[in-house]
C-alpha atoms as a PDB file:
ATOM      1  CA  MET A   1     -21.601 -24.622   8.742  1.00  0.00           C
ATOM      2  CA  TRP A   2     -19.929 -21.346   7.846  1.00  0.00           C
ATOM      3  CA  LEU A   3     -18.996 -19.436  10.997  1.00  0.00           C
ATOM      4  CA  ILE A   4     -19.826 -15.723  11.170  1.00  0.00           C
ATOM      5  CA  SER A   5     -16.562 -13.841  11.608  1.00  0.00           C
ATOM      6  CA  THR A   6     -15.300 -10.281  11.726  1.00  0.00           C
ATOM      7  CA  ASN A   7     -11.983  -8.480  11.527  1.00  0.00           C
ATOM      8  CA  SER A   8     -10.559  -7.365  14.885  1.00  0.00           C
ATOM      9  CA  GLY A   9     -10.102  -3.917  13.342  1.00  0.00           C
ATOM     10  CA  LEU A  10     -13.884  -3.472  13.457  1.00  0.00           C
ATOM     11  CA  HIS A  11     -13.530  -2.624  17.148  1.00  0.00           C
ATOM     12  CA  SER A  12     -10.107  -0.997  17.319  1.00  0.00           C
ATOM     13  CA  ALA A  13      -9.951   2.339  15.545  1.00  0.00           C
ATOM     14  CA  ARG A  14     -11.550   5.556  16.834  1.00  0.00           C
ATOM     15  CA  PRO A  15     -10.505   8.809  15.083  1.00  0.00           C
ATOM     16  CA  GLY A  16      -8.920  11.204  17.560  1.00  0.00           C
ATOM     17  CA  LYS A  17      -9.199   8.746  20.427  1.00  0.00           C
ATOM     18  CA  PRO A  18      -7.017   5.908  21.751  1.00  0.00           C
ATOM     19  CA  ARG A  19      -7.608   2.578  20.021  1.00  0.00           C
ATOM     20  CA  PHE A  20      -9.557  -0.077  21.864  1.00  0.00           C
ATOM     21  CA  ARG A  21      -7.266  -2.928  22.927  1.00  0.00           C
ATOM     22  CA  MET A  22      -7.348  -5.868  20.555  1.00  0.00           C
ATOM     23  CA  GLN A  23      -7.465  -8.149  23.580  1.00  0.00           C
ATOM     24  CA  ASP A  24     -10.872  -6.675  24.476  1.00  0.00           C
ATOM     25  CA  ALA A  25     -12.490  -7.239  21.082  1.00  0.00           C
ATOM     26  CA  PRO A  26     -13.478 -10.921  21.472  1.00  0.00           C
ATOM     27  CA  ALA A  27     -15.837 -10.273  24.402  1.00  0.00           C
ATOM     28  CA  VAL A  28     -17.535  -7.477  22.477  1.00  0.00           C
ATOM     29  CA  PHE A  29     -17.881  -9.581  19.347  1.00  0.00           C
ATOM     30  CA  LYS A  30     -19.222 -12.575  21.245  1.00  0.00           C
ATOM     31  CA  LYS A  31     -21.941 -10.397  22.758  1.00  0.00           C
ATOM     32  CA  ALA A  32     -22.864  -9.162  19.278  1.00  0.00           C
ATOM     33  CA  GLY A  33     -23.309 -12.705  17.969  1.00  0.00           C
ATOM     34  CA  PHE A  34     -20.092 -13.396  16.094  1.00  0.00           C
ATOM     35  CA  GLU A  35     -18.628 -16.900  16.107  1.00  0.00           C
ATOM     36  CA  ALA A  36     -15.057 -16.220  14.949  1.00  0.00           C
ATOM     37  CA  MET A  37     -12.544 -13.370  14.726  1.00  0.00           C
ATOM     38  CA  ASP A  38      -9.953 -12.452  12.088  1.00  0.00           C
ATOM     39  CA  ILE A  39      -6.878 -11.003  13.869  1.00  0.00           C
ATOM     40  CA  ASN A  40      -5.835  -7.888  11.940  1.00  0.00           C
ATOM     41  CA  PHE A  41      -2.172  -6.807  11.949  1.00  0.00           C
ATOM     42  CA  ALA A  42      -2.569  -4.117   9.260  1.00  0.00           C
ATOM     43  CA  ALA A  43      -2.336  -1.116  11.599  1.00  0.00           C
ATOM     44  CA  THR A  44       0.903  -2.343  13.198  1.00  0.00           C
ATOM     45  CA  ILE A  45       2.816  -0.325  10.567  1.00  0.00           C
ATOM     46  CA  TYR A  46       0.762   2.870  10.920  1.00  0.00           C
ATOM     47  CA  ASP A  47       2.274   5.991  12.456  1.00  0.00           C
ATOM     48  CA  GLY A  48       0.574   8.096  15.093  1.00  0.00           C
ATOM     49  CA  GLU A  49      -0.665   7.532  18.622  1.00  0.00           C
ATOM     50  CA  TYR A  50      -4.229   6.737  17.609  1.00  0.00           C
ATOM     51  CA  LYS A  51      -3.562   4.934  14.322  1.00  0.00           C
ATOM     52  CA  HIS A  52      -0.800   2.549  15.419  1.00  0.00           C
ATOM     53  CA  GLU A  53      -1.787  -0.944  16.578  1.00  0.00           C
ATOM     54  CA  PRO A  54       0.759  -1.986  19.265  1.00  0.00           C
ATOM     55  CA  ILE A  55       0.062  -5.731  19.350  1.00  0.00           C
ATOM     56  CA  LEU A  56       3.401  -6.574  17.633  1.00  0.00           C
ATOM     57  CA  ASP A  57       5.528  -4.001  19.460  1.00  0.00           C
ATOM     58  CA  GLY A  58       8.398  -5.108  21.671  1.00  0.00           C
ATOM     59  CA  ASP A  59      10.189  -8.393  22.179  1.00  0.00           C
ATOM     60  CA  ASN A  60       7.143  -9.977  23.821  1.00  0.00           C
ATOM     61  CA  TYR A  61       4.920  -9.620  20.760  1.00  0.00           C
ATOM     62  CA  LEU A  62       4.150 -13.342  20.641  1.00  0.00           C
ATOM     63  CA  SER A  63       2.798 -13.346  24.178  1.00  0.00           C
ATOM     64  CA  GLN A  64       0.741 -10.234  23.386  1.00  0.00           C
ATOM     65  CA  ALA A  65      -0.797 -11.986  20.386  1.00  0.00           C
ATOM     66  CA  MET A  66      -1.474 -15.012  22.576  1.00  0.00           C
ATOM     67  CA  GLU A  67      -3.512 -12.794  24.915  1.00  0.00           C
ATOM     68  CA  VAL A  68      -5.849 -12.139  21.985  1.00  0.00           C
ATOM     69  CA  LYS A  69      -6.074 -15.862  21.274  1.00  0.00           C
ATOM     70  CA  GLN A  70      -6.834 -16.585  24.913  1.00  0.00           C
ATOM     71  CA  ALA A  71      -9.577 -13.950  24.897  1.00  0.00           C
ATOM     72  CA  CYS A  72     -11.082 -15.641  21.838  1.00  0.00           C
ATOM     73  CA  ASP A  73     -10.946 -19.016  23.570  1.00  0.00           C
ATOM     74  CA  GLU A  74     -12.583 -17.610  26.708  1.00  0.00           C
ATOM     75  CA  ASN A  75     -15.421 -16.237  24.594  1.00  0.00           C
ATOM     76  CA  GLY A  76     -15.835 -19.288  22.390  1.00  0.00           C
ATOM     77  CA  LEU A  77     -14.616 -17.621  19.198  1.00  0.00           C
ATOM     78  CA  GLU A  78     -12.589 -19.419  16.556  1.00  0.00           C
ATOM     79  CA  MET A  79      -9.526 -17.615  15.200  1.00  0.00           C
ATOM     80  CA  THR A  80      -8.201 -19.209  12.023  1.00  0.00           C
ATOM     81  CA  VAL A  81      -7.584 -16.114   9.847  1.00  0.00           C
ATOM     82  CA  SER A  82      -5.278 -13.089  10.072  1.00  0.00           C
ATOM     83  CA  HIS A  83      -4.609 -10.025   7.935  1.00  0.00           C
ATOM     84  CA  LEU A  84      -0.948  -9.153   7.380  1.00  0.00           C
ATOM     85  CA  PRO A  85       0.311  -5.551   6.999  1.00  0.00           C
ATOM     86  CA  PHE A  86      -0.028  -4.085   3.514  1.00  0.00           C
ATOM     87  CA  TYR A  87       2.254  -1.430   2.086  1.00  0.00           C
ATOM     88  CA  ASN A  88       4.314  -0.436  -0.945  1.00  0.00           C
ATOM     89  CA  TYR A  89       6.808  -3.277  -1.112  1.00  0.00           C
ATOM     90  CA  GLU A  90       9.216  -1.062  -3.079  1.00  0.00           C
ATOM     91  CA  MET A  91       8.875   2.245  -1.209  1.00  0.00           C
ATOM     92  CA  GLU A  92      11.828   4.607  -1.442  1.00  0.00           C
ATOM     93  CA  ASP A  93      12.086   5.088   2.318  1.00  0.00           C
ATOM     94  CA  LYS A  94      14.284   2.080   3.061  1.00  0.00           C
ATOM     95  CA  GLU A  95      14.139   2.539   6.832  1.00  0.00           C
ATOM     96  CA  LYS A  96      10.343   2.467   6.713  1.00  0.00           C
ATOM     97  CA  LEU A  97      10.429  -0.478   4.320  1.00  0.00           C
ATOM     98  CA  ALA A  98      12.678  -2.429   6.694  1.00  0.00           C
ATOM     99  CA  PHE A  99      10.250  -1.724   9.536  1.00  0.00           C
ATOM    100  CA  CYS A 100       7.257  -2.842   7.446  1.00  0.00           C
ATOM    101  CA  ASN A 101       9.033  -6.036   6.405  1.00  0.00           C
ATOM    102  CA  GLN A 102       9.872  -6.725  10.053  1.00  0.00           C
ATOM    103  CA  MET A 103       6.210  -6.288  11.029  1.00  0.00           C
ATOM    104  CA  MET A 104       5.191  -8.558   8.156  1.00  0.00           C
ATOM    105  CA  GLU A 105       7.490 -11.289   9.445  1.00  0.00           C
ATOM    106  CA  ARG A 106       6.308 -10.757  13.012  1.00  0.00           C
ATOM    107  CA  ALA A 107       2.683 -10.938  11.872  1.00  0.00           C
ATOM    108  CA  ILE A 108       3.320 -14.266  10.162  1.00  0.00           C
ATOM    109  CA  ARG A 109       5.100 -15.643  13.212  1.00  0.00           C
ATOM    110  CA  ALA A 110       2.361 -14.360  15.528  1.00  0.00           C
ATOM    111  CA  SER A 111      -0.283 -15.889  13.255  1.00  0.00           C
ATOM    112  CA  ALA A 112       1.414 -19.266  13.565  1.00  0.00           C
ATOM    113  CA  HIS A 113       1.876 -18.828  17.316  1.00  0.00           C
ATOM    114  CA  VAL A 114      -1.857 -18.407  17.908  1.00  0.00           C
ATOM    115  CA  GLY A 115      -2.893 -21.188  15.534  1.00  0.00           C
ATOM    116  CA  VAL A 116      -4.043 -19.165  12.527  1.00  0.00           C
ATOM    117  CA  LYS A 117      -4.352 -21.247   9.349  1.00  0.00           C
ATOM    118  CA  TYR A 118      -4.683 -18.508   6.726  1.00  0.00           C
ATOM    119  CA  ALA A 119      -2.997 -15.091   6.555  1.00  0.00           C
ATOM    120  CA  VAL A 120      -4.198 -12.549   3.985  1.00  0.00           C
ATOM    121  CA  VAL A 121      -1.626 -10.560   2.006  1.00  0.00           C
ATOM    122  CA  HIS A 122      -2.012  -7.851  -0.650  1.00  0.00           C
ATOM    123  CA  PRO A 123      -0.423  -8.110  -4.114  1.00  0.00           C
ATOM    124  CA  HIS A 124       2.149  -5.607  -5.359  1.00  0.00           C
ATOM    125  CA  ARG A 125       0.761  -2.845  -7.571  1.00  0.00           C
ATOM    126  CA  CYS A 126       2.168   0.037  -9.598  1.00  0.00           C
ATOM    127  CA  PRO A 127       1.381   3.678  -8.697  1.00  0.00           C
ATOM    128  CA  ALA A 128      -1.717   3.466 -10.928  1.00  0.00           C
ATOM    129  CA  LYS A 129      -2.925   0.566  -8.741  1.00  0.00           C
ATOM    130  CA  HIS A 130      -2.491  -2.043 -11.486  1.00  0.00           C
ATOM    131  CA  ILE A 131      -1.129  -5.448 -10.563  1.00  0.00           C
ATOM    132  CA  LYS A 132       2.450  -6.529 -11.149  1.00  0.00           C
ATOM    133  CA  ILE A 133       2.075 -10.283 -11.340  1.00  0.00           C
ATOM    134  CA  ALA A 134       5.684 -11.400 -11.742  1.00  0.00           C
ATOM    135  CA  ARG A 135       6.987  -8.866  -9.230  1.00  0.00           C
ATOM    136  CA  THR A 136       4.298  -9.834  -6.725  1.00  0.00           C
ATOM    137  CA  VAL A 137       5.374 -13.456  -6.953  1.00  0.00           C
ATOM    138  CA  GLU A 138       9.010 -12.475  -6.464  1.00  0.00           C
ATOM    139  CA  ILE A 139       8.320 -10.208  -3.494  1.00  0.00           C
ATOM    140  CA  LEU A 140       5.837 -12.450  -1.698  1.00  0.00           C
ATOM    141  CA  ARG A 141       7.667 -15.744  -2.145  1.00  0.00           C
ATOM    142  CA  PRO A 142       9.890 -15.391   0.984  1.00  0.00           C
ATOM    143  CA  PHE A 143       6.850 -14.500   3.095  1.00  0.00           C
ATOM    144  CA  VAL A 144       4.840 -17.390   1.636  1.00  0.00           C
ATOM    145  CA  GLU A 145       7.695 -19.782   2.357  1.00  0.00           C
ATOM    146  CA  LEU A 146       8.060 -18.470   5.908  1.00  0.00           C
ATOM    147  CA  GLY A 147       4.358 -19.014   6.485  1.00  0.00           C
ATOM    148  CA  ARG A 148       4.489 -22.494   4.995  1.00  0.00           C
ATOM    149  CA  SER A 149       7.406 -23.433   7.269  1.00  0.00           C
ATOM    150  CA  LEU A 150       5.288 -22.378  10.252  1.00  0.00           C
ATOM    151  CA  GLY A 151       2.049 -24.009   9.113  1.00  0.00           C
ATOM    152  CA  VAL A 152       0.351 -20.818   7.865  1.00  0.00           C
ATOM    153  CA  THR A 153      -0.988 -20.549   4.312  1.00  0.00           C
ATOM    154  CA  LEU A 154      -0.740 -17.032   2.890  1.00  0.00           C
ATOM    155  CA  CYS A 155      -3.732 -15.966   0.804  1.00  0.00           C
ATOM    156  CA  VAL A 156      -3.325 -13.268  -1.833  1.00  0.00           C
ATOM    157  CA  GLU A 157      -6.245 -10.834  -1.971  1.00  0.00           C
ATOM    158  CA  ASN A 158      -7.977  -9.532  -5.092  1.00  0.00           C
ATOM    159  CA  MET A 159      -7.949  -5.732  -5.325  1.00  0.00           C
ATOM    160  CA  TYR A 160     -10.393  -3.649  -7.351  1.00  0.00           C
ATOM    161  CA  THR A 161      -7.826  -3.310 -10.158  1.00  0.00           C
ATOM    162  CA  VAL A 162      -6.912  -6.997  -9.994  1.00  0.00           C
ATOM    163  CA  THR A 163      -8.918  -9.606 -11.881  1.00  0.00           C
ATOM    164  CA  ALA A 164      -9.703 -13.033 -10.520  1.00  0.00           C
ATOM    165  CA  GLU A 165      -7.556 -14.506 -13.294  1.00  0.00           C
ATOM    166  CA  ALA A 166      -4.522 -12.456 -12.222  1.00  0.00           C
ATOM    167  CA  THR A 167      -5.091 -13.332  -8.578  1.00  0.00           C
ATOM    168  CA  ARG A 168      -5.283 -17.006  -9.500  1.00  0.00           C
ATOM    169  CA  MET A 169      -2.055 -16.739 -11.529  1.00  0.00           C
ATOM    170  CA  ILE A 170      -0.243 -15.358  -8.491  1.00  0.00           C
ATOM    171  CA  ALA A 171      -1.670 -18.030  -6.184  1.00  0.00           C
ATOM    172  CA  ASP A 172      -0.776 -20.795  -8.617  1.00  0.00           C
ATOM    173  CA  ALA A 173       2.779 -19.494  -8.984  1.00  0.00           C
ATOM    174  CA  LEU A 174       3.224 -19.335  -5.217  1.00  0.00           C
ATOM    175  CA  ASP A 175       1.113 -22.425  -4.466  1.00  0.00           C
ATOM    176  CA  CYS A 176      -0.811 -20.402  -1.901  1.00  0.00           C
ATOM    177  CA  GLY A 177      -4.425 -19.508  -1.139  1.00  0.00           C
ATOM    178  CA  ILE A 178      -6.752 -16.710  -2.244  1.00  0.00           C
ATOM    179  CA  CYS A 179      -8.816 -14.208  -0.270  1.00  0.00           C
ATOM    180  CA  TRP A 180     -11.826 -13.036  -2.296  1.00  0.00           C
ATOM    181  CA  ASP A 181     -12.899  -9.524  -1.330  1.00  0.00           C
ATOM    182  CA  VAL A 182     -16.455  -9.033  -2.587  1.00  0.00           C
ATOM    183  CA  GLY A 183     -16.305  -5.267  -2.111  1.00  0.00           C
ATOM    184  CA  HIS A 184     -13.144  -4.940  -4.198  1.00  0.00           C
ATOM    185  CA  ALA A 185     -14.729  -7.069  -6.916  1.00  0.00           C
ATOM    186  CA  ASN A 186     -17.874  -4.924  -6.935  1.00  0.00           C
ATOM    187  CA  PHE A 187     -15.916  -1.659  -7.032  1.00  0.00           C
ATOM    188  CA  GLY A 188     -13.796  -2.989  -9.885  1.00  0.00           C
ATOM    189  CA  GLY A 189     -16.813  -4.157 -11.865  1.00  0.00           C
ATOM    190  CA  HIS A 190     -15.776  -7.802 -11.711  1.00  0.00           C
ATOM    191  CA  ASP A 191     -18.318 -10.614 -11.906  1.00  0.00           C
ATOM    192  CA  GLN A 192     -18.691 -12.155  -8.454  1.00  0.00           C
ATOM    193  CA  TYR A 193     -19.807 -15.612  -9.563  1.00  0.00           C
ATOM    194  CA  ALA A 194     -17.172 -16.003 -12.276  1.00  0.00           C
ATOM    195  CA  GLY A 195     -14.491 -14.593  -9.990  1.00  0.00           C
ATOM    196  CA  ILE A 196     -15.244 -16.925  -7.129  1.00  0.00           C
ATOM    197  CA  MET A 197     -15.374 -19.908  -9.456  1.00  0.00           C
ATOM    198  CA  THR A 198     -11.998 -18.863 -10.924  1.00  0.00           C
ATOM    199  CA  CYS A 199     -10.518 -18.903  -7.433  1.00  0.00           C
ATOM    200  CA  GLY A 200     -11.744 -22.477  -7.128  1.00  0.00           C
ATOM    201  CA  GLU A 201     -10.056 -24.692  -4.572  1.00  0.00           C
ATOM    202  CA  ARG A 202      -7.578 -21.935  -3.695  1.00  0.00           C
ATOM    203  CA  LEU A 203     -10.343 -19.834  -2.118  1.00  0.00           C
ATOM    204  CA  LYS A 204      -9.678 -19.984   1.638  1.00  0.00           C
ATOM    205  CA  VAL A 205     -10.743 -16.574   3.022  1.00  0.00           C
ATOM    206  CA  LEU A 206     -13.511 -14.048   2.374  1.00  0.00           C
ATOM    207  CA  HIS A 207     -13.671 -10.317   2.995  1.00  0.00           C
ATOM    208  CA  LEU A 208     -17.339  -9.378   3.062  1.00  0.00           C
ATOM    209  CA  HIS A 209     -18.543  -5.780   2.872  1.00  0.00           C
ATOM    210  CA  ASP A 210     -20.716  -3.698   0.563  1.00  0.00           C
ATOM    211  CA  ASN A 211     -20.382  -0.598  -1.608  1.00  0.00           C
ATOM    212  CA  ASN A 212     -22.140   1.289  -4.411  1.00  0.00           C
ATOM    213  CA  GLY A 213     -19.737   0.213  -7.143  1.00  0.00           C
ATOM    214  CA  GLN A 214     -18.180   3.687  -7.184  1.00  0.00           C
ATOM    215  CA  ALA A 215     -15.850   3.529  -4.161  1.00  0.00           C
ATOM    216  CA  ASP A 216     -14.334   1.019  -1.744  1.00  0.00           C
ATOM    217  CA  LEU A 217     -16.683   1.962   1.105  1.00  0.00           C
ATOM    218  CA  HIS A 218     -16.482  -1.107   3.377  1.00  0.00           C
ATOM    219  CA  ILE A 219     -20.085  -0.630   4.540  1.00  0.00           C
ATOM    220  CA  PRO A 220     -22.321  -3.371   6.002  1.00  0.00           C
ATOM    221  CA  ALA A 221     -24.045  -5.907   3.754  1.00  0.00           C
ATOM    222  CA  PHE A 222     -27.337  -4.848   2.120  1.00  0.00           C
ATOM    223  CA  GLN A 223     -26.390  -1.156   2.255  1.00  0.00           C
ATOM    224  CA  GLY A 224     -24.814  -1.100  -1.213  1.00  0.00           C
ATOM    225  CA  ASN A 225     -25.568  -2.788  -4.520  1.00  0.00           C
ATOM    226  CA  ILE A 226     -23.705  -6.113  -4.261  1.00  0.00           C
ATOM    227  CA  ASN A 227     -25.761  -9.057  -5.498  1.00  0.00           C
ATOM    228  CA  TRP A 228     -25.532 -11.132  -2.336  1.00  0.00           C
ATOM    229  CA  PRO A 229     -27.607 -14.103  -3.590  1.00  0.00           C
ATOM    230  CA  GLU A 230     -25.127 -14.419  -6.473  1.00  0.00           C
ATOM    231  CA  VAL A 231     -22.208 -14.389  -4.020  1.00  0.00           C
ATOM    232  CA  MET A 232     -23.797 -17.063  -1.864  1.00  0.00           C
ATOM    233  CA  ARG A 233     -24.640 -19.200  -4.891  1.00  0.00           C
ATOM    234  CA  ALA A 234     -21.002 -19.040  -5.985  1.00  0.00           C
ATOM    235  CA  LEU A 235     -19.741 -19.993  -2.519  1.00  0.00           C
ATOM    236  CA  ARG A 236     -22.064 -22.974  -2.538  1.00  0.00           C
ATOM    237  CA  ASP A 237     -21.039 -24.065  -6.026  1.00  0.00           C
ATOM    238  CA  VAL A 238     -17.307 -23.696  -5.333  1.00  0.00           C
ATOM    239  CA  LYS A 239     -17.801 -25.687  -2.108  1.00  0.00           C
ATOM    240  CA  PHE A 240     -16.264 -22.980   0.068  1.00  0.00           C
ATOM    241  CA  GLU A 241     -15.377 -24.298   3.540  1.00  0.00           C
ATOM    242  CA  GLY A 242     -14.172 -21.162   5.341  1.00  0.00           C
ATOM    243  CA  GLU A 243     -15.890 -18.417   7.322  1.00  0.00           C
ATOM    244  CA  LEU A 244     -18.255 -15.596   6.393  1.00  0.00           C
ATOM    245  CA  ASN A 245     -15.711 -12.989   7.411  1.00  0.00           C
ATOM    246  CA  PHE A 246     -16.744  -9.309   7.524  1.00  0.00           C
ATOM    247  CA  GLU A 247     -14.306  -6.456   6.900  1.00  0.00           C
ATOM    248  CA  VAL A 248     -16.528  -3.463   7.607  1.00  0.00           C
ATOM    249  CA  ALA A 249     -15.256   0.032   8.507  1.00  0.00           C
ATOM    250  CA  VAL A 250     -17.105   1.599  11.446  1.00  0.00           C
ATOM    251  CA  SER A 251     -14.301   3.687  12.957  1.00  0.00           C
ATOM    252  CA  ARG A 252     -16.330   6.898  12.662  1.00  0.00           C
ATOM    253  CA  VAL A 253     -19.405   5.398  14.316  1.00  0.00           C
ATOM    254  CA  PRO A 254     -19.870   6.911  17.826  1.00  0.00           C
ATOM    255  CA  ASP A 255     -19.007   4.586  20.687  1.00  0.00           C
ATOM    256  CA  GLU A 256     -22.655   4.603  21.814  1.00  0.00           C
ATOM    257  CA  LEU A 257     -23.783   3.131  18.478  1.00  0.00           C
ATOM    258  CA  ARG A 258     -21.083   0.537  17.997  1.00  0.00           C
ATOM    259  CA  GLU A 259     -22.755  -2.417  19.686  1.00  0.00           C
ATOM    260  CA  PRO A 260     -25.968  -2.115  17.611  1.00  0.00           C
ATOM    261  CA  MET A 261     -23.783  -1.836  14.486  1.00  0.00           C
ATOM    262  CA  TYR A 262     -21.853  -4.959  15.458  1.00  0.00           C
ATOM    263  CA  ARG A 263     -25.114  -6.843  15.989  1.00  0.00           C
ATOM    264  CA  TYR A 264     -26.383  -5.744  12.588  1.00  0.00           C
ATOM    265  CA  ILE A 265     -23.228  -7.034  10.900  1.00  0.00           C
ATOM    266  CA  ALA A 266     -23.387 -10.375  12.721  1.00  0.00           C
ATOM    267  CA  ASP A 267     -27.111 -10.730  11.965  1.00  0.00           C
ATOM    268  CA  SER A 268     -26.514  -9.938   8.297  1.00  0.00           C
ATOM    269  CA  GLY A 269     -24.016 -12.788   8.215  1.00  0.00           C
ATOM    270  CA  LYS A 270     -26.547 -15.182   9.676  1.00  0.00           C
ATOM    271  CA  LEU A 271     -29.084 -14.074   7.084  1.00  0.00           C
ATOM    272  CA  LEU A 272     -26.567 -14.670   4.308  1.00  0.00           C
ATOM    273  CA  ARG A 273     -25.792 -18.085   5.757  1.00  0.00           C
ATOM    274  CA  ASP A 274     -29.496 -18.932   5.642  1.00  0.00           C
ATOM    275  CA  MET A 275     -29.440 -18.158   1.887  1.00  0.00           C
ATOM    276  CA  HIS A 276     -26.995 -21.041   1.513  1.00  0.00           C
END
């Protein structure tokens, strides 16, 4: 049975206010009806008091990550997926680049420390957002090999400018997994069924969210124009064995409305699972 999962970032960010502690997210998600949590390290490289995620700060970052794992265990949530930081791998600011690379390595090590199986990573793209296949392979290889040495499989994510075929080429070259983001595929005008089938056995992680095909909105399922029955049919036919993992943006939702929003997202996942 596919577990219903969500990204820890669903609960963290609040514009103009301190972030909620990642360690507190599992209890909130359990109450909403989720069954698993994707630990998100993306904001560890962000600047600013309210944007920066501190979970990897300091020399005790592994123990801090373990606190999140323990909170998941206490609330009966699985945690097998993480999201690594994403950034311009060839940025001109070399000091910033060194910091981002350090956080990437820490995120991989923390993923392994808490028992994560799959860590999602973005491909390298040019300023026009188009994929650089060969350069992506070259840049990501050391991170993929670090993950492999620690028992973590990195999974390259399709972006809206990146076809399933290109994503598969990168994964084949690196012998790694794939994360299929249904929202990116919809925004890019890519066929969901054909894309998922192209991923094939390399498909390990999903990012589920909706949009109108005109922007990468990251809104809840059934609020855009994604053909969800087609997505579920493809997951069945490709024999997907992972989680129904939601990557929805609700940071601007008032605190008072967050719990009902979380419940809606979890319930939408259960409805999608019933389609299977």
